[in-house]
Amino acid sequence: MEKIFYSNIESPIGSIWVARSKIGLLRLDFPCEEVKFLKELGAHTETEPEYRPSKLDDIGNWLDGYFKGEKMEYKEPFDLRGTDFQKKVWNAIFDIPHGKLASYGQLAENIKKPKASRAVGNAVGQNPIAIIIPCHRVVWSSGGIGGFGGGLPIKRVLLNIENILPEAEGTPEKGIDLKKFF
């Protein structure tokens, strides 16, 4: 039987919920309540997850560094559960460097599906591991910020942490006050 461990991690943007299987990181969701997280997690596993924070300390350390503005590299494996197309998109998102942006169209080109921008957008919206698979770095080719499952205020916070915002959104600020986005 598959073992899934989960925990919550407090952050400047609220409670972040994470889950890991023996294969690797399975989910990272925010902002949400435990009940919603477990319901989403249940759609991807047949086993009862076990609350075990110690199994996810490394994710907490990674997130702490990220929210301090450090350029963090995630080197542990993922347990991505989705279609082959979704996995290609998620891997292309993972390849967007810290402090850089990509459009939905660029992602479609990167996965050799240049006419699939809308399908790419749908896959981006289904990203199971937010922040680490940095879907917040995906924007409209017109320069707009695009959408974000965690809400646009949180997307702006994440882009400001990396000192990047599309031109249509304004100039990034140093030492951003996270409270002004909520």
Protein backbone atom coordinates (compact mmCIF):
# COMPACT_ATOMS: atom_id res chain seq x y z
CA MET A 1 0.00 0.00 0.00
CA GLU A 2 1.26 3.44 -0.96
CA LYS A 3 2.32 5.77 1.88
CA ILE A 4 1.55 9.48 1.52
CA PHE A 5 2.79 11.94 4.13
CA TYR A 6 1.49 15.48 4.43
CA SER A 7 1.97 18.58 6.51
CA ASN A 8 1.29 22.29 6.57
CA ILE A 9 3.94 24.98 6.56
CA GLU A 10 3.26 28.53 7.68
CA SER A 11 4.54 31.19 5.29
CA PRO A 12 4.14 34.90 4.54
CA ILE A 13 1.27 34.01 2.17
CA GLY A 14 -0.54 31.76 4.66
CA SER A 15 -0.66 28.06 5.32
CA ILE A 16 0.95 25.96 2.59
CA TRP A 17 0.02 22.27 2.45
CA VAL A 18 2.48 19.74 1.09
CA ALA A 19 2.41 16.00 0.44
CA ARG A 20 5.05 13.45 -0.49
CA SER A 21 4.97 9.84 -1.62
CA LYS A 22 7.91 7.44 -1.56
CA ILE A 23 8.60 8.57 -5.15
CA GLY A 24 8.78 12.30 -4.39
CA LEU A 25 6.94 15.55 -3.82
CA LEU A 26 3.30 15.07 -4.78
CA ARG A 27 1.47 18.33 -3.96
CA LEU A 28 2.03 21.86 -2.74
CA ASP A 29 -1.17 23.89 -2.35
CA PHE A 30 -2.09 27.28 -0.93
CA PRO A 31 -4.04 29.07 0.37
CA CYS A 32 -6.41 26.41 1.59
CA GLU A 33 -7.69 24.57 4.59
CA GLU A 34 -6.64 21.04 5.52
CA VAL A 35 -10.04 19.58 4.52
CA LYS A 36 -9.82 21.03 1.00
CA PHE A 37 -6.19 19.90 0.64
CA LEU A 38 -7.03 16.34 1.71
CA LYS A 39 -9.96 16.24 -0.71
CA GLU A 40 -7.68 17.31 -3.59
CA LEU A 41 -4.99 14.88 -2.47
CA GLY A 42 -7.56 12.07 -2.33
CA ALA A 43 -8.26 12.54 -6.02
CA HIS A 44 -4.64 11.53 -6.73
CA THR A 45 -4.14 8.64 -4.34
CA GLU A 46 -6.03 5.62 -3.07
CA THR A 47 -4.46 5.59 0.36
CA GLU A 48 -5.19 7.57 3.53
CA PRO A 49 -2.49 10.26 3.91
CA GLU A 50 -0.63 10.47 7.22
CA TYR A 51 0.08 13.82 8.87
CA ARG A 52 3.85 13.71 9.43
CA PRO A 53 5.62 17.11 9.41
CA SER A 54 9.07 15.58 9.91
CA LYS A 55 8.82 13.91 6.48
CA LEU A 56 8.49 17.35 4.87
CA ASP A 57 11.02 19.46 6.77
CA ASP A 58 13.16 19.86 3.64
CA ILE A 59 10.24 21.51 1.83
CA GLY A 60 9.79 23.90 4.76
CA ASN A 61 13.48 24.82 4.59
CA TRP A 62 13.26 25.34 0.82
CA LEU A 63 10.21 27.60 1.23
CA ASP A 64 11.89 29.59 4.03
CA GLY A 65 14.80 30.35 1.73
CA TYR A 66 12.51 31.20 -1.16
CA PHE A 67 10.46 33.67 0.89
CA LYS A 68 13.69 35.33 2.07
CA GLY A 69 14.42 36.06 -1.60
CA GLU A 70 17.10 33.42 -2.05
CA LYS A 71 17.47 31.75 -5.44
CA MET A 72 16.46 28.21 -4.53
CA GLU A 73 17.06 25.09 -6.60
CA TYR A 74 14.86 22.08 -5.95
CA LYS A 75 16.72 18.84 -6.65
CA GLU A 76 14.50 16.18 -5.12
CA PRO A 77 12.22 14.02 -7.31
CA PHE A 78 8.58 14.77 -8.05
CA ASP A 79 5.68 12.34 -8.12
CA LEU A 80 3.72 14.03 -10.91
CA ARG A 81 0.30 12.52 -11.51
CA GLY A 82 -1.40 13.76 -14.64
CA THR A 83 -1.56 13.19 -18.37
CA ASP A 84 1.61 12.99 -20.46
CA PHE A 85 0.75 16.43 -21.87
CA GLN A 86 0.36 17.94 -18.40
CA LYS A 87 3.68 16.44 -17.28
CA LYS A 88 5.44 17.95 -20.31
CA VAL A 89 3.99 21.36 -19.47
CA TRP A 90 4.89 21.05 -15.77
CA ASN A 91 8.46 20.07 -16.66
CA ALA A 92 8.68 23.05 -19.04
CA ILE A 93 7.46 25.33 -16.23
CA PHE A 94 10.06 23.85 -13.87
CA ASP A 95 12.73 24.86 -16.40
CA ILE A 96 11.80 28.58 -16.24
CA PRO A 97 14.75 30.12 -14.36
CA HIS A 98 14.35 32.05 -11.13
CA GLY A 99 13.68 35.71 -11.93
CA LYS A 100 12.53 35.02 -15.50
CA LEU A 101 9.11 34.87 -17.16
CA ALA A 102 7.63 32.77 -19.96
CA SER A 103 4.37 33.09 -21.85
CA TYR A 104 1.85 30.33 -22.44
CA GLY A 105 2.85 30.46 -26.12
CA GLN A 106 6.54 30.04 -25.27
CA LEU A 107 5.71 26.99 -23.18
CA ALA A 108 3.70 25.56 -26.08
CA GLU A 109 6.73 26.08 -28.34
CA ASN A 110 9.05 24.51 -25.74
CA ILE A 111 6.99 21.30 -25.66
CA LYS A 112 6.77 21.22 -29.48
CA LYS A 113 3.03 21.99 -29.54
CA PRO A 114 3.05 25.58 -30.89
CA LYS A 115 -0.72 25.74 -31.45
CA ALA A 116 -1.60 24.44 -27.99
CA SER A 117 -1.41 27.65 -25.94
CA ARG A 118 -4.90 27.18 -24.48
CA ALA A 119 -4.23 23.56 -23.56
CA VAL A 120 -0.96 24.69 -22.01
CA GLY A 121 -2.92 27.27 -19.99
CA ASN A 122 -5.21 24.52 -18.71
CA ALA A 123 -2.24 22.38 -17.72
CA VAL A 124 -0.58 25.34 -16.00
CA GLY A 125 -3.79 25.78 -13.99
CA GLN A 126 -3.59 22.13 -12.88
CA ASN A 127 0.01 22.41 -11.63
CA PRO A 128 0.12 20.23 -8.49
CA ILE A 129 3.32 21.73 -7.03
CA ALA A 130 2.99 25.52 -6.95
CA ILE A 131 6.02 27.73 -6.27
CA ILE A 132 8.54 24.88 -6.77
CA ILE A 133 7.10 24.24 -10.24
CA PRO A 134 6.88 28.02 -10.69
CA CYS A 135 3.63 28.56 -12.58
CA HIS A 136 3.61 32.11 -11.19
CA ARG A 137 6.35 32.84 -13.78
CA VAL A 138 3.91 32.15 -16.65
CA VAL A 139 2.32 35.33 -18.04
CA TRP A 140 0.46 36.54 -21.12
CA SER A 141 2.54 37.33 -24.18
CA SER A 142 0.90 40.79 -24.18
CA GLY A 143 2.74 41.58 -20.94
CA GLY A 144 -0.19 41.05 -18.59
CA ILE A 145 0.17 39.03 -15.42
CA GLY A 146 -2.19 36.24 -16.53
CA GLY A 147 -4.10 34.06 -14.09
CA PHE A 148 -3.13 32.17 -10.97
CA GLY A 149 -4.90 29.50 -8.94
CA GLY A 150 -3.72 31.00 -5.66
CA GLY A 151 -5.12 34.40 -6.64
CA LEU A 152 -3.49 37.36 -8.35
CA PRO A 153 -2.39 39.08 -5.11
CA ILE A 154 -0.29 36.02 -4.24
CA LYS A 155 1.07 35.83 -7.80
CA ARG A 156 2.20 39.45 -7.47
CA VAL A 157 3.88 38.66 -4.15
CA LEU A 158 5.78 35.72 -5.69
CA LEU A 159 6.83 37.79 -8.71
CA ASN A 160 7.98 40.58 -6.42
CA ILE A 161 10.03 38.16 -4.31
CA GLU A 162 11.90 37.35 -7.53
CA ASN A 163 11.95 41.03 -8.58
CA ILE A 164 9.97 40.39 -11.76
CA LEU A 165 6.64 41.72 -12.95
CA PRO A 166 5.35 42.01 -16.50
CA GLU A 167 5.60 45.56 -17.88
CA ALA A 168 1.82 45.97 -17.79
CA GLU A 169 1.94 45.41 -14.03
CA GLY A 170 4.61 47.98 -13.21
CA THR A 171 8.14 47.96 -11.90
CA PRO A 172 9.20 45.44 -9.26
CA GLU A 173 9.95 46.90 -5.85
CA LYS A 174 12.80 45.95 -3.55
CA GLY A 175 11.91 45.02 0.01
CA ILE A 176 8.25 44.50 -0.80
CA ASP A 177 5.72 44.81 2.02
CA LEU A 178 3.64 41.64 1.59
CA LYS A 179 0.71 43.12 3.55
CA LYS A 180 -0.11 45.61 0.81
CA PHE A 181 -1.16 42.76 -1.48
CA PHE A 182 -3.86 41.44 0.84
